[in-house]
Amino acid sequence: MRSLYLLRHAKSDWDAPYGSDHNRPLAERGRRAARRVGQVLSDLGQEPQALVTSSAVRAQMTAQLAAEAGSWTCPIRSTERLYLPSVEIVLAEAREQLPEVERLMLVGHEPTWSEAVGLFIGERGSGRVKMVTAAVARLDFAGDAWSRVEFGAGTLAWLVTPKLFDAASR
């Protein structure tokens, strides 16, 4: 089985001096949420074995803070390709992963992440998924090769928001 984790970047800081959308950083609330995601996933034994993030500053910060807080040892790769991509690019990125990776995390943006979750579980036009900032979805795919991952073949194992992570830890 292969598990794909789609993590939407945490809350960004619209008031920070960032110049372009690509350079917008995280707000303090976003930093806290990113750390919480990393801690909780580690506590649950759900840390990724590979992580690929959008090159946008807010996505890279989300990935780095989650990895640090969760003590993840996986490699982190940043790519322009995941900055506001099509769902086809998300699929291509998953299909290109190494065979030994069973748990892959991609960190990116809306509206692509909600659309990708829906397409991976076969909800084209019949359902709606909402990925709020710092939400993470786990999609499971049967088989032993990323090259066989396709739209409609996934099972949504769970989708968790930062508020639920916080409520569960009280």
N, C-alpha and C. Protein backbone atom coordinates (compact mmCIF):
# COMPACT_ATOMS: atom_id res chain seq x y z
N MET A 1 0.84 -1.18 0.00
CA MET A 1 0.00 0.00 0.00
C MET A 1 0.88 1.25 0.00
N ARG A 2 0.42 2.29 -0.63
CA ARG A 2 1.07 3.60 -0.66
C ARG A 2 0.13 4.61 -0.01
N SER A 3 0.69 5.48 0.82
CA SER A 3 -0.09 6.54 1.46
C SER A 3 0.44 7.89 1.01
N LEU A 4 -0.46 8.71 0.49
CA LEU A 4 -0.14 10.05 0.04
C LEU A 4 -0.77 11.04 1.02
N TYR A 5 0.05 11.87 1.62
CA TYR A 5 -0.42 12.90 2.54
C TYR A 5 -0.37 14.23 1.79
N LEU A 6 -1.51 14.88 1.69
CA LEU A 6 -1.57 16.21 1.10
C LEU A 6 -1.76 17.21 2.23
N LEU A 7 -0.76 18.04 2.45
CA LEU A 7 -0.79 19.05 3.50
C LEU A 7 -0.88 20.42 2.85
N ARG A 8 -1.95 21.12 3.18
CA ARG A 8 -2.05 22.50 2.69
C ARG A 8 -1.18 23.37 3.59
N HIS A 9 -0.49 24.32 3.00
CA HIS A 9 0.35 25.20 3.80
C HIS A 9 -0.48 25.84 4.91
N ALA A 10 0.21 26.19 5.99
CA ALA A 10 -0.46 26.81 7.14
C ALA A 10 -0.80 28.27 6.82
N LYS A 11 -1.48 28.90 7.76
CA LYS A 11 -1.97 30.28 7.60
C LYS A 11 -0.82 31.25 7.33
N SER A 12 -0.95 31.99 6.24
CA SER A 12 0.10 32.93 5.86
C SER A 12 -0.17 34.32 6.44
N ASP A 13 0.87 35.13 6.41
CA ASP A 13 0.81 36.48 6.97
C ASP A 13 0.62 37.50 5.85
N TRP A 14 -0.61 37.93 5.66
CA TRP A 14 -0.93 38.89 4.60
C TRP A 14 -0.39 40.28 4.90
N ASP A 15 -0.07 40.55 6.16
CA ASP A 15 0.42 41.87 6.54
C ASP A 15 1.94 42.01 6.48
N ALA A 16 2.63 40.90 6.31
CA ALA A 16 4.10 40.94 6.25
C ALA A 16 4.55 41.57 4.93
N PRO A 17 5.71 42.20 4.94
CA PRO A 17 6.26 42.73 3.67
C PRO A 17 6.86 41.57 2.88
N TYR A 18 6.17 41.14 1.83
CA TYR A 18 6.62 39.95 1.11
C TYR A 18 6.83 40.17 -0.38
N GLY A 19 6.44 41.28 -0.94
CA GLY A 19 6.72 41.57 -2.34
C GLY A 19 5.83 40.84 -3.32
N SER A 20 5.94 39.53 -3.37
CA SER A 20 5.13 38.73 -4.29
C SER A 20 4.44 37.61 -3.54
N ASP A 21 3.40 37.07 -4.11
CA ASP A 21 2.66 35.97 -3.49
C ASP A 21 3.59 34.82 -3.14
N HIS A 22 4.53 34.52 -4.00
CA HIS A 22 5.46 33.40 -3.79
C HIS A 22 6.27 33.58 -2.51
N ASN A 23 6.53 34.81 -2.10
CA ASN A 23 7.38 35.10 -0.95
C ASN A 23 6.63 35.34 0.36
N ARG A 24 5.32 35.16 0.36
CA ARG A 24 4.54 35.43 1.57
C ARG A 24 4.86 34.40 2.65
N PRO A 25 5.23 34.84 3.86
CA PRO A 25 5.58 33.92 4.95
C PRO A 25 4.35 33.47 5.74
N LEU A 26 4.61 32.65 6.73
CA LEU A 26 3.54 32.21 7.62
C LEU A 26 3.29 33.24 8.72
N ALA A 27 2.04 33.29 9.14
CA ALA A 27 1.66 34.07 10.32
C ALA A 27 2.05 33.25 11.55
N GLU A 28 2.06 33.87 12.70
CA GLU A 28 2.38 33.13 13.93
C GLU A 28 1.41 31.97 14.13
N ARG A 29 0.13 32.20 13.86
CA ARG A 29 -0.87 31.13 13.96
C ARG A 29 -0.51 29.96 13.03
N GLY A 30 -0.02 30.28 11.85
CA GLY A 30 0.40 29.26 10.90
C GLY A 30 1.61 28.48 11.39
N ARG A 31 2.54 29.17 12.00
CA ARG A 31 3.72 28.49 12.56
C ARG A 31 3.32 27.48 13.63
N ARG A 32 2.41 27.91 14.51
CA ARG A 32 1.94 27.00 15.56
C ARG A 32 1.24 25.79 14.96
N ALA A 33 0.39 26.02 13.97
CA ALA A 33 -0.36 24.92 13.34
C ALA A 33 0.59 23.95 12.63
N ALA A 34 1.59 24.46 11.94
CA ALA A 34 2.54 23.60 11.24
C ALA A 34 3.29 22.71 12.23
N ARG A 35 3.71 23.30 13.35
CA ARG A 35 4.40 22.51 14.37
C ARG A 35 3.48 21.44 14.95
N ARG A 36 2.23 21.81 15.17
CA ARG A 36 1.27 20.86 15.75
C ARG A 36 1.04 19.68 14.80
N VAL A 37 0.91 19.96 13.54
CA VAL A 37 0.73 18.89 12.55
C VAL A 37 1.90 17.92 12.63
N GLY A 38 3.11 18.44 12.66
CA GLY A 38 4.29 17.57 12.74
C GLY A 38 4.32 16.72 13.99
N GLN A 39 4.00 17.33 15.13
CA GLN A 39 3.99 16.58 16.40
C GLN A 39 2.94 15.48 16.38
N VAL A 40 1.74 15.82 15.97
CA VAL A 40 0.64 14.85 16.00
C VAL A 40 0.91 13.70 15.05
N LEU A 41 1.35 14.00 13.84
CA LEU A 41 1.63 12.92 12.90
C LEU A 41 2.70 11.98 13.44
N SER A 42 3.71 12.52 14.08
CA SER A 42 4.74 11.68 14.68
C SER A 42 4.18 10.85 15.82
N ASP A 43 3.38 11.48 16.68
CA ASP A 43 2.76 10.76 17.80
C ASP A 43 1.92 9.58 17.31
N LEU A 44 1.34 9.73 16.13
CA LEU A 44 0.48 8.68 15.56
C LEU A 44 1.25 7.70 14.66
N GLY A 45 2.56 7.90 14.53
CA GLY A 45 3.36 7.03 13.66
C GLY A 45 3.05 7.26 12.18
N GLN A 46 2.67 8.48 11.84
CA GLN A 46 2.26 8.81 10.47
C GLN A 46 3.25 9.74 9.76
N GLU A 47 4.49 9.79 10.22
CA GLU A 47 5.43 10.69 9.58
C GLU A 47 5.80 10.20 8.17
N PRO A 48 5.99 11.13 7.26
CA PRO A 48 6.31 10.75 5.88
C PRO A 48 7.73 10.21 5.76
N GLN A 49 7.94 9.43 4.71
CA GLN A 49 9.28 8.95 4.38
C GLN A 49 9.94 9.84 3.33
N ALA A 50 9.15 10.64 2.66
CA ALA A 50 9.64 11.61 1.69
C ALA A 50 8.66 12.78 1.69
N LEU A 51 9.19 13.98 1.49
CA LEU A 51 8.35 15.17 1.52
C LEU A 51 8.78 16.07 0.36
N VAL A 52 7.79 16.49 -0.42
CA VAL A 52 8.03 17.42 -1.52
C VAL A 52 7.12 18.61 -1.30
N THR A 53 7.70 19.80 -1.31
CA THR A 53 6.93 21.00 -1.03
C THR A 53 6.99 22.00 -2.19
N SER A 54 5.95 22.76 -2.29
CA SER A 54 5.95 23.91 -3.19
C SER A 54 7.12 24.81 -2.82
N SER A 55 7.64 25.52 -3.79
CA SER A 55 8.74 26.44 -3.53
C SER A 55 8.30 27.73 -2.85
N ALA A 56 7.00 27.95 -2.72
CA ALA A 56 6.51 29.16 -2.04
C ALA A 56 7.00 29.17 -0.59
N VAL A 57 7.36 30.34 -0.11
CA VAL A 57 7.91 30.48 1.23
C VAL A 57 6.97 29.88 2.28
N ARG A 58 5.68 30.16 2.20
CA ARG A 58 4.73 29.67 3.20
C ARG A 58 4.66 28.14 3.21
N ALA A 59 4.77 27.52 2.05
CA ALA A 59 4.75 26.05 1.97
C ALA A 59 6.05 25.47 2.52
N GLN A 60 7.17 26.06 2.15
CA GLN A 60 8.45 25.58 2.66
C GLN A 60 8.54 25.72 4.18
N MET A 61 8.04 26.85 4.70
CA MET A 61 8.04 27.04 6.15
C MET A 61 7.16 26.00 6.83
N THR A 62 6.00 25.72 6.25
CA THR A 62 5.09 24.71 6.81
C THR A 62 5.80 23.36 6.87
N ALA A 63 6.41 22.96 5.77
CA ALA A 63 7.11 21.67 5.71
C ALA A 63 8.23 21.61 6.74
N GLN A 64 9.04 22.64 6.80
CA GLN A 64 10.19 22.65 7.70
C GLN A 64 9.77 22.63 9.16
N LEU A 65 8.79 23.45 9.52
CA LEU A 65 8.33 23.48 10.91
C LEU A 65 7.69 22.17 11.34
N ALA A 66 6.89 21.57 10.45
CA ALA A 66 6.27 20.27 10.76
C ALA A 66 7.35 19.21 10.95
N ALA A 67 8.32 19.19 10.05
CA ALA A 67 9.40 18.19 10.13
C ALA A 67 10.22 18.36 11.41
N GLU A 68 10.55 19.59 11.75
CA GLU A 68 11.32 19.84 12.97
C GLU A 68 10.54 19.43 14.22
N ALA A 69 9.28 19.84 14.29
CA ALA A 69 8.47 19.55 15.48
C ALA A 69 8.22 18.06 15.63
N GLY A 70 8.10 17.37 14.51
CA GLY A 70 7.85 15.92 14.56
C GLY A 70 9.10 15.08 14.54
N SER A 71 10.26 15.72 14.48
CA SER A 71 11.55 15.02 14.39
C SER A 71 11.57 14.05 13.20
N TRP A 72 11.01 14.49 12.10
CA TRP A 72 11.00 13.66 10.90
C TRP A 72 12.41 13.60 10.33
N THR A 73 12.78 12.45 9.83
CA THR A 73 14.10 12.27 9.24
C THR A 73 14.05 12.17 7.72
N CYS A 74 12.90 12.35 7.15
CA CYS A 74 12.74 12.21 5.70
C CYS A 74 13.40 13.35 4.94
N PRO A 75 13.81 13.08 3.72
CA PRO A 75 14.34 14.17 2.90
C PRO A 75 13.21 15.12 2.51
N ILE A 76 13.55 16.41 2.41
CA ILE A 76 12.59 17.43 1.99
C ILE A 76 13.11 18.05 0.70
N ARG A 77 12.28 18.01 -0.32
CA ARG A 77 12.64 18.62 -1.60
C ARG A 77 11.64 19.71 -1.93
N SER A 78 12.14 20.84 -2.36
CA SER A 78 11.30 21.96 -2.76
C SER A 78 11.29 22.05 -4.28
N THR A 79 10.10 22.34 -4.85
CA THR A 79 10.01 22.45 -6.30
C THR A 79 9.01 23.52 -6.71
N GLU A 80 9.40 24.26 -7.71
CA GLU A 80 8.52 25.28 -8.31
C GLU A 80 7.29 24.60 -8.90
N ARG A 81 7.44 23.37 -9.28
CA ARG A 81 6.38 22.60 -9.94
C ARG A 81 5.10 22.53 -9.09
N LEU A 82 5.23 22.53 -7.76
CA LEU A 82 4.06 22.45 -6.89
C LEU A 82 3.52 23.81 -6.46
N TYR A 83 4.09 24.87 -7.01
CA TYR A 83 3.55 26.20 -6.71
C TYR A 83 2.38 26.45 -7.66
N LEU A 84 1.17 26.42 -7.13
CA LEU A 84 -0.06 26.60 -7.88
C LEU A 84 -0.15 25.66 -9.09
N PRO A 85 -0.01 24.35 -8.85
CA PRO A 85 0.00 23.39 -9.95
C PRO A 85 -1.39 22.95 -10.37
N SER A 86 -1.45 22.23 -11.47
CA SER A 86 -2.68 21.54 -11.86
C SER A 86 -2.71 20.21 -11.09
N VAL A 87 -3.87 19.60 -11.04
CA VAL A 87 -3.97 18.30 -10.37
C VAL A 87 -3.15 17.24 -11.12
N GLU A 88 -2.98 17.42 -12.40
CA GLU A 88 -2.16 16.48 -13.17
C GLU A 88 -0.69 16.52 -12.73
N ILE A 89 -0.22 17.69 -12.34
CA ILE A 89 1.15 17.82 -11.82
C ILE A 89 1.26 17.11 -10.47
N VAL A 90 0.25 17.22 -9.64
CA VAL A 90 0.25 16.53 -8.35
C VAL A 90 0.32 15.02 -8.58
N LEU A 91 -0.47 14.52 -9.50
CA LEU A 91 -0.44 13.09 -9.85
C LEU A 91 0.95 12.70 -10.37
N ALA A 92 1.51 13.49 -11.25
CA ALA A 92 2.83 13.20 -11.80
C ALA A 92 3.89 13.17 -10.71
N GLU A 93 3.83 14.10 -9.77
CA GLU A 93 4.80 14.14 -8.68
C GLU A 93 4.71 12.86 -7.85
N ALA A 94 3.50 12.41 -7.55
CA ALA A 94 3.34 11.16 -6.79
C ALA A 94 3.90 9.98 -7.57
N ARG A 95 3.60 9.91 -8.84
CA ARG A 95 4.04 8.77 -9.67
C ARG A 95 5.56 8.67 -9.81
N GLU A 96 6.26 9.76 -9.58
CA GLU A 96 7.71 9.79 -9.75
C GLU A 96 8.49 9.40 -8.49
N GLN A 97 7.80 9.04 -7.43
CA GLN A 97 8.49 8.73 -6.19
C GLN A 97 9.21 7.39 -6.26
N LEU A 98 10.24 7.27 -5.45
CA LEU A 98 11.03 6.04 -5.39
C LEU A 98 10.19 4.88 -4.84
N PRO A 99 10.43 3.68 -5.30
CA PRO A 99 9.61 2.53 -4.88
C PRO A 99 9.68 2.23 -3.39
N GLU A 100 10.80 2.54 -2.73
CA GLU A 100 10.92 2.24 -1.31
C GLU A 100 10.10 3.19 -0.42
N VAL A 101 9.63 4.30 -0.98
CA VAL A 101 8.81 5.26 -0.23
C VAL A 101 7.37 4.75 -0.18
N GLU A 102 6.89 4.52 1.03
CA GLU A 102 5.49 4.09 1.21
C GLU A 102 4.60 5.23 1.66
N ARG A 103 5.19 6.24 2.34
CA ARG A 103 4.43 7.38 2.85
C ARG A 103 5.04 8.67 2.30
N LEU A 104 4.31 9.30 1.39
CA LEU A 104 4.77 10.51 0.73
C LEU A 104 3.90 11.69 1.15
N MET A 105 4.54 12.81 1.48
CA MET A 105 3.79 14.03 1.78
C MET A 105 4.11 15.07 0.72
N LEU A 106 3.05 15.70 0.20
CA LEU A 106 3.18 16.84 -0.68
C LEU A 106 2.59 18.04 0.04
N VAL A 107 3.29 19.16 0.03
CA VAL A 107 2.83 20.38 0.69
C VAL A 107 2.55 21.42 -0.39
N GLY A 108 1.32 21.94 -0.39
CA GLY A 108 0.96 22.87 -1.45
C GLY A 108 -0.21 23.76 -1.12
N HIS A 109 -1.02 24.03 -2.13
CA HIS A 109 -1.95 25.15 -2.11
C HIS A 109 -3.37 24.78 -2.55
N GLU A 110 -4.28 25.68 -2.21
CA GLU A 110 -5.65 25.65 -2.70
C GLU A 110 -5.72 26.45 -4.00
N PRO A 111 -6.63 26.14 -4.86
CA PRO A 111 -7.68 25.13 -4.74
C PRO A 111 -7.24 23.74 -5.18
N THR A 112 -5.98 23.60 -5.57
CA THR A 112 -5.51 22.32 -6.11
C THR A 112 -5.63 21.18 -5.11
N TRP A 113 -5.30 21.42 -3.85
CA TRP A 113 -5.30 20.32 -2.88
C TRP A 113 -6.71 19.74 -2.69
N SER A 114 -7.72 20.58 -2.53
CA SER A 114 -9.10 20.07 -2.40
C SER A 114 -9.52 19.31 -3.64
N GLU A 115 -9.20 19.86 -4.78
CA GLU A 115 -9.56 19.20 -6.04
C GLU A 115 -8.85 17.86 -6.17
N ALA A 116 -7.57 17.82 -5.81
CA ALA A 116 -6.80 16.58 -5.92
C ALA A 116 -7.36 15.50 -5.00
N VAL A 117 -7.70 15.84 -3.77
CA VAL A 117 -8.29 14.85 -2.86
C VAL A 117 -9.55 14.27 -3.48
N GLY A 118 -10.42 15.15 -3.97
CA GLY A 118 -11.65 14.68 -4.60
C GLY A 118 -11.40 13.76 -5.78
N LEU A 119 -10.47 14.12 -6.63
CA LEU A 119 -10.18 13.31 -7.81
C LEU A 119 -9.53 11.98 -7.44
N PHE A 120 -8.62 11.99 -6.48
CA PHE A 120 -7.97 10.74 -6.08
C PHE A 120 -8.96 9.73 -5.51
N ILE A 121 -10.02 10.22 -4.84
CA ILE A 121 -11.00 9.29 -4.28
C ILE A 121 -12.20 9.10 -5.19
N GLY A 122 -12.16 9.70 -6.37
CA GLY A 122 -13.21 9.47 -7.36
C GLY A 122 -14.43 10.33 -7.21
N GLU A 123 -14.28 11.51 -6.64
CA GLU A 123 -15.42 12.38 -6.39
C GLU A 123 -15.61 13.43 -7.48
N ARG A 124 -15.17 13.17 -8.68
CA ARG A 124 -15.26 14.16 -9.77
C ARG A 124 -16.71 14.62 -9.95
N GLY A 125 -16.95 15.86 -9.55
CA GLY A 125 -18.26 16.44 -9.77
C GLY A 125 -19.34 16.00 -8.80
N SER A 126 -19.07 14.98 -7.98
CA SER A 126 -20.15 14.47 -7.12
C SER A 126 -19.94 14.79 -5.65
N GLY A 127 -18.83 15.37 -5.31
CA GLY A 127 -18.58 15.68 -3.91
C GLY A 127 -17.66 16.87 -3.80
N ARG A 128 -17.51 17.35 -2.59
CA ARG A 128 -16.66 18.52 -2.38
C ARG A 128 -15.81 18.28 -1.15
N VAL A 129 -14.54 18.58 -1.28
CA VAL A 129 -13.59 18.47 -0.18
C VAL A 129 -13.06 19.87 0.08
N LYS A 130 -12.94 20.23 1.35
CA LYS A 130 -12.42 21.55 1.70
C LYS A 130 -11.17 21.39 2.56
N MET A 131 -10.06 21.84 2.02
CA MET A 131 -8.79 21.79 2.74
C MET A 131 -8.49 23.19 3.28
N VAL A 132 -8.74 23.38 4.57
CA VAL A 132 -8.42 24.65 5.21
C VAL A 132 -6.91 24.73 5.41
N THR A 133 -6.39 25.89 5.78
CA THR A 133 -4.96 26.00 6.00
C THR A 133 -4.50 25.01 7.07
N ALA A 134 -3.38 24.37 6.80
CA ALA A 134 -2.74 23.36 7.65
C ALA A 134 -3.53 22.07 7.80
N ALA A 135 -4.54 21.87 6.97
CA ALA A 135 -5.25 20.59 6.97
C ALA A 135 -4.38 19.56 6.26
N VAL A 136 -4.51 18.32 6.69
CA VAL A 136 -3.76 17.24 6.04
C VAL A 136 -4.72 16.08 5.77
N ALA A 137 -4.63 15.55 4.57
CA ALA A 137 -5.45 14.40 4.17
C ALA A 137 -4.52 13.23 3.88
N ARG A 138 -4.92 12.04 4.31
CA ARG A 138 -4.18 10.83 3.95
C ARG A 138 -5.01 10.02 2.98
N LEU A 139 -4.41 9.75 1.83
CA LEU A 139 -5.05 8.95 0.79
C LEU A 139 -4.26 7.67 0.64
N ASP A 140 -4.95 6.54 0.66
CA ASP A 140 -4.29 5.25 0.51
C ASP A 140 -4.56 4.66 -0.86
N PHE A 141 -3.54 4.03 -1.40
CA PHE A 141 -3.62 3.40 -2.72
C PHE A 141 -3.13 1.97 -2.61
N ALA A 142 -3.89 1.03 -3.15
CA ALA A 142 -3.49 -0.37 -3.17
C ALA A 142 -2.31 -0.54 -4.11
N GLY A 143 -1.51 -1.54 -3.84
CA GLY A 143 -0.39 -1.83 -4.72
C GLY A 143 0.93 -1.39 -4.15
N ASP A 144 1.96 -1.73 -4.88
CA ASP A 144 3.31 -1.49 -4.39
C ASP A 144 4.13 -0.54 -5.25
N ALA A 145 3.45 0.24 -6.09
CA ALA A 145 4.19 1.14 -6.98
C ALA A 145 3.47 2.47 -7.14
N TRP A 146 4.21 3.55 -6.95
CA TRP A 146 3.66 4.88 -7.17
C TRP A 146 3.25 5.08 -8.62
N SER A 147 3.91 4.40 -9.52
CA SER A 147 3.60 4.56 -10.94
C SER A 147 2.18 4.12 -11.28
N ARG A 148 1.56 3.36 -10.39
CA ARG A 148 0.19 2.88 -10.63
C ARG A 148 -0.88 3.75 -9.97
N VAL A 149 -0.46 4.78 -9.23
CA VAL A 149 -1.41 5.68 -8.59
C VAL A 149 -2.16 6.44 -9.68
N GLU A 150 -3.48 6.55 -9.51
CA GLU A 150 -4.28 7.28 -10.49
C GLU A 150 -5.51 7.88 -9.83
N PHE A 151 -6.12 8.83 -10.53
CA PHE A 151 -7.34 9.42 -10.03
C PHE A 151 -8.42 8.35 -9.94
N GLY A 152 -9.22 8.40 -8.88
CA GLY A 152 -10.29 7.44 -8.69
C GLY A 152 -9.87 6.16 -8.00
N ALA A 153 -8.57 5.97 -7.77
CA ALA A 153 -8.08 4.72 -7.19
C ALA A 153 -7.76 4.82 -5.70
N GLY A 154 -7.88 6.01 -5.13
CA GLY A 154 -7.52 6.21 -3.74
C GLY A 154 -8.68 6.07 -2.78
N THR A 155 -8.33 5.83 -1.53
CA THR A 155 -9.29 5.78 -0.43
C THR A 155 -8.90 6.87 0.56
N LEU A 156 -9.84 7.72 0.93
CA LEU A 156 -9.56 8.74 1.93
C LEU A 156 -9.54 8.07 3.30
N ALA A 157 -8.36 7.96 3.88
CA ALA A 157 -8.23 7.37 5.22
C ALA A 157 -8.68 8.36 6.28
N TRP A 158 -8.27 9.63 6.10
CA TRP A 158 -8.70 10.70 7.00
C TRP A 158 -8.31 12.05 6.44
N LEU A 159 -8.99 13.08 6.95
CA LEU A 159 -8.69 14.48 6.66
C LEU A 159 -8.85 15.21 7.98
N VAL A 160 -7.76 15.82 8.45
CA VAL A 160 -7.77 16.45 9.77
C VAL A 160 -7.36 17.91 9.66
N THR A 161 -8.05 18.75 10.41
CA THR A 161 -7.75 20.17 10.46
C THR A 161 -6.97 20.49 11.74
N PRO A 162 -6.28 21.63 11.77
CA PRO A 162 -5.55 22.00 12.98
C PRO A 162 -6.43 22.09 14.23
N LYS A 163 -7.65 22.55 14.08
CA LYS A 163 -8.55 22.63 15.25
C LYS A 163 -8.81 21.26 15.83
N LEU A 164 -8.95 20.26 14.99
CA LEU A 164 -9.17 18.89 15.47
C LEU A 164 -7.90 18.35 16.14
N PHE A 165 -6.73 18.64 15.59
CA PHE A 165 -5.48 18.25 16.22
C PHE A 165 -5.41 18.83 17.63
N ASP A 166 -5.75 20.13 17.75
CA ASP A 166 -5.69 20.79 19.05
C ASP A 166 -6.70 20.20 20.03
N ALA A 167 -7.92 19.95 19.56
CA ALA A 167 -8.96 19.41 20.43
C ALA A 167 -8.61 18.01 20.93
N ALA A 168 -7.99 17.23 20.09
CA ALA A 168 -7.64 15.85 20.45
C ALA A 168 -6.53 15.79 21.50
N SER A 169 -5.73 16.84 21.58
CA SER A 169 -4.60 16.82 22.50
C SER A 169 -4.92 17.40 23.87
N ARG A 170 -6.13 17.86 24.06
CA ARG A 170 -6.49 18.46 25.36
C ARG A 170 -6.81 17.41 26.39
